[in-house]
Amino acid sequence: MDISISPTSANCDDDTLWVNLSDGRTIGVPLAWFPRLLDATPDQRAAVTLSPAGLHWEEIDEDISVAGLIAGRGDMTRPSSRAA
């Protein structure tokens, strides 16, 4: 991924995290991919801080990288469940 791609804005609706990128793309991903965001209040979701590499929500301790969004990765902190 080109490391010069950075978020220019981010917001959430009831179901989706929307991130506008410096290269003109807009990425929308389900909040279900990020349980801390899904469980957060609208005010907590709105309190996002942008950095060159991604997004941060201090109060809910959530960090999401632009690289992860582009790759289609959700929350990487949850243990994966495996079928028997």
PDB file of N, CA and C in Angstrom:
ATOM      1  N   MET A   1       0.833  -1.173   0.000  1.00  0.00           N
ATOM      2  CA  MET A   1       0.000   0.000   0.000  1.00  0.00           C
ATOM      3  C   MET A   1       0.885   1.246   0.000  1.00  0.00           C
ATOM      4  N   ASP A   2       0.449   2.248  -0.711  1.00  0.00           N
ATOM      5  CA  ASP A   2       1.154   3.526  -0.730  1.00  0.00           C
ATOM      6  C   ASP A   2       0.948   4.207   0.617  1.00  0.00           C
ATOM      7  N   ILE A   3       2.030   4.427   1.371  1.00  0.00           N
ATOM      8  CA  ILE A   3       1.899   4.995   2.706  1.00  0.00           C
ATOM      9  C   ILE A   3       1.505   6.465   2.682  1.00  0.00           C
ATOM     10  N   SER A   4       1.435   7.068   1.488  1.00  0.00           N
ATOM     11  CA  SER A   4       1.002   8.459   1.414  1.00  0.00           C
ATOM     12  C   SER A   4      -0.516   8.585   1.475  1.00  0.00           C
ATOM     13  N   ILE A   5      -1.245   7.483   1.416  1.00  0.00           N
ATOM     14  CA  ILE A   5      -2.705   7.527   1.517  1.00  0.00           C
ATOM     15  C   ILE A   5      -3.068   7.667   2.983  1.00  0.00           C
ATOM     16  N   SER A   6      -3.832   8.695   3.286  1.00  0.00           N
ATOM     17  CA  SER A   6      -4.220   8.957   4.669  1.00  0.00           C
ATOM     18  C   SER A   6      -5.701   9.294   4.732  1.00  0.00           C
ATOM     19  N   PRO A   7      -6.306   9.187   5.915  1.00  0.00           N
ATOM     20  CA  PRO A   7      -7.722   9.545   6.042  1.00  0.00           C
ATOM     21  C   PRO A   7      -7.863  11.070   6.065  1.00  0.00           C
ATOM     22  N   THR A   8      -8.882  11.563   5.384  1.00  0.00           N
ATOM     23  CA  THR A   8      -9.169  12.998   5.415  1.00  0.00           C
ATOM     24  C   THR A   8     -10.382  13.300   6.283  1.00  0.00           C
ATOM     25  N   SER A   9     -11.258  12.316   6.451  1.00  0.00           N
ATOM     26  CA  SER A   9     -12.404  12.448   7.356  1.00  0.00           C
ATOM     27  C   SER A   9     -12.961  11.061   7.622  1.00  0.00           C
ATOM     28  N   ALA A  10     -13.726  10.961   8.697  1.00  0.00           N
ATOM     29  CA  ALA A  10     -14.367   9.687   9.045  1.00  0.00           C
ATOM     30  C   ALA A  10     -15.634   9.985   9.822  1.00  0.00           C
ATOM     31  N   ASN A  11     -16.644   9.183   9.581  1.00  0.00           N
ATOM     32  CA  ASN A  11     -17.876   9.290  10.349  1.00  0.00           C
ATOM     33  C   ASN A  11     -18.599   7.946  10.322  1.00  0.00           C
ATOM     34  N   CYS A  12     -19.517   7.794  11.260  1.00  0.00           N
ATOM     35  CA  CYS A  12     -20.295   6.563  11.363  1.00  0.00           C
ATOM     36  C   CYS A  12     -21.773   6.891  11.257  1.00  0.00           C
ATOM     37  N   ASP A  13     -22.507   6.021  10.586  1.00  0.00           N
ATOM     38  CA  ASP A  13     -23.957   6.057  10.695  1.00  0.00           C
ATOM     39  C   ASP A  13     -24.349   4.885  11.589  1.00  0.00           C
ATOM     40  N   ASP A  14     -25.587   4.455  11.574  1.00  0.00           N
ATOM     41  CA  ASP A  14     -26.018   3.389  12.479  1.00  0.00           C
ATOM     42  C   ASP A  14     -25.348   2.050  12.209  1.00  0.00           C
ATOM     43  N   ASP A  15     -24.900   1.833  10.976  1.00  0.00           N
ATOM     44  CA  ASP A  15     -24.390   0.518  10.587  1.00  0.00           C
ATOM     45  C   ASP A  15     -22.984   0.509   9.997  1.00  0.00           C
ATOM     46  N   THR A  16     -22.476   1.669   9.596  1.00  0.00           N
ATOM     47  CA  THR A  16     -21.275   1.704   8.761  1.00  0.00           C
ATOM     48  C   THR A  16     -20.285   2.765   9.229  1.00  0.00           C
ATOM     49  N   LEU A  17     -19.002   2.431   9.145  1.00  0.00           N
ATOM     50  CA  LEU A  17     -17.917   3.389   9.298  1.00  0.00           C
ATOM     51  C   LEU A  17     -17.538   3.847   7.898  1.00  0.00           C
ATOM     52  N   TRP A  18     -17.566   5.154   7.670  1.00  0.00           N
ATOM     53  CA  TRP A  18     -17.215   5.745   6.382  1.00  0.00           C
ATOM     54  C   TRP A  18     -15.915   6.521   6.540  1.00  0.00           C
ATOM     55  N   VAL A  19     -14.938   6.234   5.682  1.00  0.00           N
ATOM     56  CA  VAL A  19     -13.648   6.916   5.745  1.00  0.00           C
ATOM     57  C   VAL A  19     -13.319   7.457   4.358  1.00  0.00           C
ATOM     58  N   ASN A  20     -13.099   8.774   4.289  1.00  0.00           N
ATOM     59  CA  ASN A  20     -12.640   9.410   3.057  1.00  0.00           C
ATOM     60  C   ASN A  20     -11.119   9.426   3.081  1.00  0.00           C
ATOM     61  N   LEU A  21     -10.518   9.046   1.950  1.00  0.00           N
ATOM     62  CA  LEU A  21      -9.069   8.936   1.851  1.00  0.00           C
ATOM     63  C   LEU A  21      -8.494  10.048   0.978  1.00  0.00           C
ATOM     64  N   SER A  22      -7.221  10.340   1.206  1.00  0.00           N
ATOM     65  CA  SER A  22      -6.548  11.417   0.486  1.00  0.00           C
ATOM     66  C   SER A  22      -6.423  11.164  -1.016  1.00  0.00           C
ATOM     67  N   ASP A  23      -6.600   9.918  -1.461  1.00  0.00           N
ATOM     68  CA  ASP A  23      -6.534   9.622  -2.891  1.00  0.00           C
ATOM     69  C   ASP A  23      -7.900   9.715  -3.566  1.00  0.00           C
ATOM     70  N   GLY A  24      -8.917  10.173  -2.816  1.00  0.00           N
ATOM     71  CA  GLY A  24     -10.243  10.368  -3.398  1.00  0.00           C
ATOM     72  C   GLY A  24     -11.232   9.246  -3.143  1.00  0.00           C
ATOM     73  N   ARG A  25     -10.758   8.123  -2.659  1.00  0.00           N
ATOM     74  CA  ARG A  25     -11.667   7.008  -2.368  1.00  0.00           C
ATOM     75  C   ARG A  25     -12.418   7.238  -1.069  1.00  0.00           C
ATOM     76  N   THR A  26     -13.596   6.629  -0.997  1.00  0.00           N
ATOM     77  CA  THR A  26     -14.357   6.539   0.240  1.00  0.00           C
ATOM     78  C   THR A  26     -14.565   5.065   0.515  1.00  0.00           C
ATOM     79  N   ILE A  27     -14.207   4.643   1.718  1.00  0.00           N
ATOM     80  CA  ILE A  27     -14.362   3.236   2.117  1.00  0.00           C
ATOM     81  C   ILE A  27     -15.458   3.178   3.165  1.00  0.00           C
ATOM     82  N   GLY A  28     -16.380   2.252   2.983  1.00  0.00           N
ATOM     83  CA  GLY A  28     -17.417   1.990   3.980  1.00  0.00           C
ATOM     84  C   GLY A  28     -17.302   0.553   4.452  1.00  0.00           C
ATOM     85  N   VAL A  29     -17.228   0.371   5.765  1.00  0.00           N
ATOM     86  CA  VAL A  29     -17.139  -0.979   6.325  1.00  0.00           C
ATOM     87  C   VAL A  29     -18.182  -1.117   7.432  1.00  0.00           C
ATOM     88  N   PRO A  30     -18.718  -2.319   7.607  1.00  0.00           N
ATOM     89  CA  PRO A  30     -19.730  -2.521   8.651  1.00  0.00           C
ATOM     90  C   PRO A  30     -19.168  -2.278  10.044  1.00  0.00           C
ATOM     91  N   LEU A  31     -19.934  -1.602  10.883  1.00  0.00           N
ATOM     92  CA  LEU A  31     -19.517  -1.424  12.275  1.00  0.00           C
ATOM     93  C   LEU A  31     -19.349  -2.772  12.967  1.00  0.00           C
ATOM     94  N   ALA A  32     -20.040  -3.788  12.507  1.00  0.00           N
ATOM     95  CA  ALA A  32     -19.920  -5.125  13.101  1.00  0.00           C
ATOM     96  C   ALA A  32     -18.488  -5.644  13.016  1.00  0.00           C
ATOM     97  N   TRP A  33     -17.676  -5.118  12.106  1.00  0.00           N
ATOM     98  CA  TRP A  33     -16.268  -5.517  12.020  1.00  0.00           C
ATOM     99  C   TRP A  33     -15.482  -5.019  13.220  1.00  0.00           C
ATOM    100  N   PHE A  34     -15.993  -4.004  13.903  1.00  0.00           N
ATOM    101  CA  PHE A  34     -15.286  -3.368  15.017  1.00  0.00           C
ATOM    102  C   PHE A  34     -16.231  -3.261  16.214  1.00  0.00           C
ATOM    103  N   PRO A  35     -16.306  -4.286  17.042  1.00  0.00           N
ATOM    104  CA  PRO A  35     -17.281  -4.329  18.133  1.00  0.00           C
ATOM    105  C   PRO A  35     -17.245  -3.126  19.076  1.00  0.00           C
ATOM    106  N   ARG A  36     -16.072  -2.568  19.330  1.00  0.00           N
ATOM    107  CA  ARG A  36     -16.026  -1.389  20.211  1.00  0.00           C
ATOM    108  C   ARG A  36     -16.756  -0.209  19.575  1.00  0.00           C
ATOM    109  N   LEU A  37     -16.626  -0.039  18.273  1.00  0.00           N
ATOM    110  CA  LEU A  37     -17.379   1.017  17.585  1.00  0.00           C
ATOM    111  C   LEU A  37     -18.862   0.695  17.553  1.00  0.00           C
ATOM    112  N   LEU A  38     -19.184  -0.557  17.302  1.00  0.00           N
ATOM    113  CA  LEU A  38     -20.587  -0.973  17.253  1.00  0.00           C
ATOM    114  C   LEU A  38     -21.282  -0.696  18.578  1.00  0.00           C
ATOM    115  N   ASP A  39     -20.598  -0.926  19.694  1.00  0.00           N
ATOM    116  CA  ASP A  39     -21.178  -0.732  21.016  1.00  0.00           C
ATOM    117  C   ASP A  39     -21.076   0.711  21.513  1.00  0.00           C
ATOM    118  N   ALA A  40     -20.346   1.565  20.815  1.00  0.00           N
ATOM    119  CA  ALA A  40     -20.143   2.943  21.252  1.00  0.00           C
ATOM    120  C   ALA A  40     -21.381   3.796  21.008  1.00  0.00           C
ATOM    121  N   THR A  41     -21.471   4.874  21.758  1.00  0.00           N
ATOM    122  CA  THR A  41     -22.546   5.844  21.545  1.00  0.00           C
ATOM    123  C   THR A  41     -22.215   6.687  20.306  1.00  0.00           C
ATOM    124  N   PRO A  42     -23.217   7.353  19.744  1.00  0.00           N
ATOM    125  CA  PRO A  42     -22.925   8.243  18.610  1.00  0.00           C
ATOM    126  C   PRO A  42     -21.874   9.306  18.950  1.00  0.00           C
ATOM    127  N   ASP A  43     -21.911   9.865  20.154  1.00  0.00           N
ATOM    128  CA  ASP A  43     -20.901  10.856  20.548  1.00  0.00           C
ATOM    129  C   ASP A  43     -19.510  10.243  20.614  1.00  0.00           C
ATOM    130  N   GLN A  44     -19.401   9.020  21.131  1.00  0.00           N
ATOM    131  CA  GLN A  44     -18.099   8.346  21.182  1.00  0.00           C
ATOM    132  C   GLN A  44     -17.584   8.062  19.772  1.00  0.00           C
ATOM    133  N   ARG A  45     -18.468   7.647  18.876  1.00  0.00           N
ATOM    134  CA  ARG A  45     -18.057   7.382  17.491  1.00  0.00           C
ATOM    135  C   ARG A  45     -17.596   8.647  16.796  1.00  0.00           C
ATOM    136  N   ALA A  46     -18.212   9.768  17.132  1.00  0.00           N
ATOM    137  CA  ALA A  46     -17.862  11.045  16.486  1.00  0.00           C
ATOM    138  C   ALA A  46     -16.529  11.597  16.973  1.00  0.00           C
ATOM    139  N   ALA A  47     -16.032  11.103  18.094  1.00  0.00           N
ATOM    140  CA  ALA A  47     -14.791  11.623  18.699  1.00  0.00           C
ATOM    141  C   ALA A  47     -13.564  10.931  18.127  1.00  0.00           C
ATOM    142  N   VAL A  48     -13.450  10.908  16.823  1.00  0.00           N
ATOM    143  CA  VAL A  48     -12.335  10.244  16.146  1.00  0.00           C
ATOM    144  C   VAL A  48     -11.209  11.237  15.907  1.00  0.00           C
ATOM    145  N   THR A  49      -9.990  10.751  16.050  1.00  0.00           N
ATOM    146  CA  THR A  49      -8.788  11.527  15.739  1.00  0.00           C
ATOM    147  C   THR A  49      -8.124  10.877  14.533  1.00  0.00           C
ATOM    148  N   LEU A  50      -7.781  11.691  13.549  1.00  0.00           N
ATOM    149  CA  LEU A  50      -7.127  11.190  12.344  1.00  0.00           C
ATOM    150  C   LEU A  50      -5.619  11.346  12.465  1.00  0.00           C
ATOM    151  N   SER A  51      -4.897  10.360  11.939  1.00  0.00           N
ATOM    152  CA  SER A  51      -3.447  10.444  11.823  1.00  0.00           C
ATOM    153  C   SER A  51      -3.083  10.027  10.403  1.00  0.00           C
ATOM    154  N   PRO A  52      -1.854  10.215   9.978  1.00  0.00           N
ATOM    155  CA  PRO A  52      -1.478   9.800   8.628  1.00  0.00           C
ATOM    156  C   PRO A  52      -1.718   8.305   8.364  1.00  0.00           C
ATOM    157  N   ALA A  53      -1.654   7.494   9.401  1.00  0.00           N
ATOM    158  CA  ALA A  53      -1.787   6.049   9.218  1.00  0.00           C
ATOM    159  C   ALA A  53      -3.186   5.515   9.483  1.00  0.00           C
ATOM    160  N   GLY A  54      -4.050   6.284  10.172  1.00  0.00           N
ATOM    161  CA  GLY A  54      -5.350   5.716  10.483  1.00  0.00           C
ATOM    162  C   GLY A  54      -6.215   6.565  11.385  1.00  0.00           C
ATOM    163  N   LEU A  55      -7.052   5.864  12.150  1.00  0.00           N
ATOM    164  CA  LEU A  55      -8.078   6.474  12.976  1.00  0.00           C
ATOM    165  C   LEU A  55      -7.928   6.020  14.420  1.00  0.00           C
ATOM    166  N   HIS A  56      -8.257   6.912  15.357  1.00  0.00           N
ATOM    167  CA  HIS A  56      -8.156   6.568  16.776  1.00  0.00           C
ATOM    168  C   HIS A  56      -9.337   7.157  17.532  1.00  0.00           C
ATOM    169  N   TRP A  57      -9.900   6.329  18.420  1.00  0.00           N
ATOM    170  CA  TRP A  57     -10.962   6.756  19.333  1.00  0.00           C
ATOM    171  C   TRP A  57     -10.442   6.533  20.741  1.00  0.00           C
ATOM    172  N   GLU A  58     -10.062   7.617  21.398  1.00  0.00           N
ATOM    173  CA  GLU A  58      -9.438   7.545  22.723  1.00  0.00           C
ATOM    174  C   GLU A  58     -10.356   6.882  23.752  1.00  0.00           C
ATOM    175  N   GLU A  59     -11.590   7.353  23.870  1.00  0.00           N
ATOM    176  CA  GLU A  59     -12.479   6.898  24.937  1.00  0.00           C
ATOM    177  C   GLU A  59     -12.795   5.411  24.868  1.00  0.00           C
ATOM    178  N   ILE A  60     -12.882   4.872  23.659  1.00  0.00           N
ATOM    179  CA  ILE A  60     -13.223   3.445  23.532  1.00  0.00           C
ATOM    180  C   ILE A  60     -12.005   2.585  23.203  1.00  0.00           C
ATOM    181  N   ASP A  61     -10.818   3.207  23.168  1.00  0.00           N
ATOM    182  CA  ASP A  61      -9.556   2.507  22.921  1.00  0.00           C
ATOM    183  C   ASP A  61      -9.590   1.700  21.626  1.00  0.00           C
ATOM    184  N   GLU A  62      -9.947   2.375  20.533  1.00  0.00           N
ATOM    185  CA  GLU A  62     -10.021   1.731  19.222  1.00  0.00           C
ATOM    186  C   GLU A  62      -9.056   2.411  18.269  1.00  0.00           C
ATOM    187  N   ASP A  63      -8.295   1.617  17.542  1.00  0.00           N
ATOM    188  CA  ASP A  63      -7.390   2.098  16.504  1.00  0.00           C
ATOM    189  C   ASP A  63      -7.641   1.288  15.241  1.00  0.00           C
ATOM    190  N   ILE A  64      -7.778   1.988  14.119  1.00  0.00           N
ATOM    191  CA  ILE A  64      -8.018   1.319  12.841  1.00  0.00           C
ATOM    192  C   ILE A  64      -7.050   1.923  11.827  1.00  0.00           C
ATOM    193  N   SER A  65      -6.293   1.081  11.156  1.00  0.00           N
ATOM    194  CA  SER A  65      -5.322   1.577  10.178  1.00  0.00           C
ATOM    195  C   SER A  65      -5.965   1.682   8.799  1.00  0.00           C
ATOM    196  N   VAL A  66      -5.465   2.629   8.018  1.00  0.00           N
ATOM    197  CA  VAL A  66      -5.897   2.751   6.631  1.00  0.00           C
ATOM    198  C   VAL A  66      -5.525   1.474   5.875  1.00  0.00           C
ATOM    199  N   ALA A  67      -4.342   0.949   6.126  1.00  0.00           N
ATOM    200  CA  ALA A  67      -3.912  -0.285   5.447  1.00  0.00           C
ATOM    201  C   ALA A  67      -4.881  -1.424   5.726  1.00  0.00           C
ATOM    202  N   GLY A  68      -5.334  -1.557   6.975  1.00  0.00           N
ATOM    203  CA  GLY A  68      -6.287  -2.604   7.319  1.00  0.00           C
ATOM    204  C   GLY A  68      -7.630  -2.418   6.629  1.00  0.00           C
ATOM    205  N   LEU A  69      -8.096  -1.179   6.549  1.00  0.00           N
ATOM    206  CA  LEU A  69      -9.357  -0.916   5.860  1.00  0.00           C
ATOM    207  C   LEU A  69      -9.261  -1.269   4.387  1.00  0.00           C
ATOM    208  N   ILE A  70      -8.181  -0.839   3.748  1.00  0.00           N
ATOM    209  CA  ILE A  70      -8.009  -1.137   2.322  1.00  0.00           C
ATOM    210  C   ILE A  70      -7.903  -2.636   2.087  1.00  0.00           C
ATOM    211  N   ALA A  71      -7.285  -3.356   3.026  1.00  0.00           N
ATOM    212  CA  ALA A  71      -7.139  -4.812   2.897  1.00  0.00           C
ATOM    213  C   ALA A  71      -8.416  -5.562   3.277  1.00  0.00           C
ATOM    214  N   GLY A  72      -9.397  -4.847   3.835  1.00  0.00           N
ATOM    215  CA  GLY A  72     -10.653  -5.504   4.209  1.00  0.00           C
ATOM    216  C   GLY A  72     -10.591  -6.237   5.531  1.00  0.00           C
ATOM    217  N   ARG A  73      -9.685  -5.819   6.419  1.00  0.00           N
ATOM    218  CA  ARG A  73      -9.552  -6.481   7.719  1.00  0.00           C
ATOM    219  C   ARG A  73     -10.413  -5.778   8.755  1.00  0.00           C
ATOM    220  N   GLY A  74     -11.082  -6.579   9.565  1.00  0.00           N
ATOM    221  CA  GLY A  74     -11.833  -6.058  10.696  1.00  0.00           C
ATOM    222  C   GLY A  74     -10.983  -6.055  11.948  1.00  0.00           C
ATOM    223  N   ASP A  75     -11.627  -6.122  13.092  1.00  0.00           N
ATOM    224  CA  ASP A  75     -10.953  -6.095  14.397  1.00  0.00           C
ATOM    225  C   ASP A  75      -9.993  -7.267  14.503  1.00  0.00           C
ATOM    226  N   MET A  76      -8.707  -6.963  14.634  1.00  0.00           N
ATOM    227  CA  MET A  76      -7.688  -8.010  14.714  1.00  0.00           C
ATOM    228  C   MET A  76      -7.374  -8.383  16.164  1.00  0.00           C
ATOM    229  N   THR A  77      -8.054  -7.765  17.147  1.00  0.00           N
ATOM    230  CA  THR A  77      -7.768  -8.059  18.546  1.00  0.00           C
ATOM    231  C   THR A  77      -8.611  -9.197  19.084  1.00  0.00           C
ATOM    232  N   ARG A  78      -9.665  -9.554  18.382  1.00  0.00           N
ATOM    233  CA  ARG A  78     -10.516 -10.652  18.838  1.00  0.00           C
ATOM    234  C   ARG A  78      -9.896 -11.981  18.459  1.00  0.00           C
ATOM    235  N   PRO A  79      -9.951 -12.945  19.358  1.00  0.00           N
ATOM    236  CA  PRO A  79      -9.473 -14.275  18.968  1.00  0.00           C
ATOM    237  C   PRO A  79     -10.406 -14.846  17.905  1.00  0.00           C
ATOM    238  N   SER A  80      -9.835 -15.469  16.907  1.00  0.00           N
ATOM    239  CA  SER A  80     -10.676 -16.033  15.854  1.00  0.00           C
ATOM    240  C   SER A  80     -11.306 -17.325  16.349  1.00  0.00           C
ATOM    241  N   SER A  81     -12.563 -17.504  15.966  1.00  0.00           N
ATOM    242  CA  SER A  81     -13.228 -18.759  16.323  1.00  0.00           C
ATOM    243  C   SER A  81     -13.058 -19.713  15.154  1.00  0.00           C
ATOM    244  N   ARG A  82     -12.755 -20.930  15.485  1.00  0.00           N
ATOM    245  CA  ARG A  82     -12.533 -21.925  14.436  1.00  0.00           C
ATOM    246  C   ARG A  82     -13.570 -23.024  14.563  1.00  0.00           C
ATOM    247  N   ALA A  83     -14.040 -23.457  13.433  1.00  0.00           N
ATOM    248  CA  ALA A  83     -14.997 -24.578  13.421  1.00  0.00           C
ATOM    249  C   ALA A  83     -14.251 -25.858  13.752  1.00  0.00           C
ATOM    250  N   ALA A  84     -14.922 -26.742  14.438  1.00  0.00           N
ATOM    251  CA  ALA A  84     -14.295 -27.999  14.824  1.00  0.00           C
ATOM    252  C   ALA A  84     -14.207 -28.930  13.634  1.00  0.00           C
TER     253      ALA A  84
END
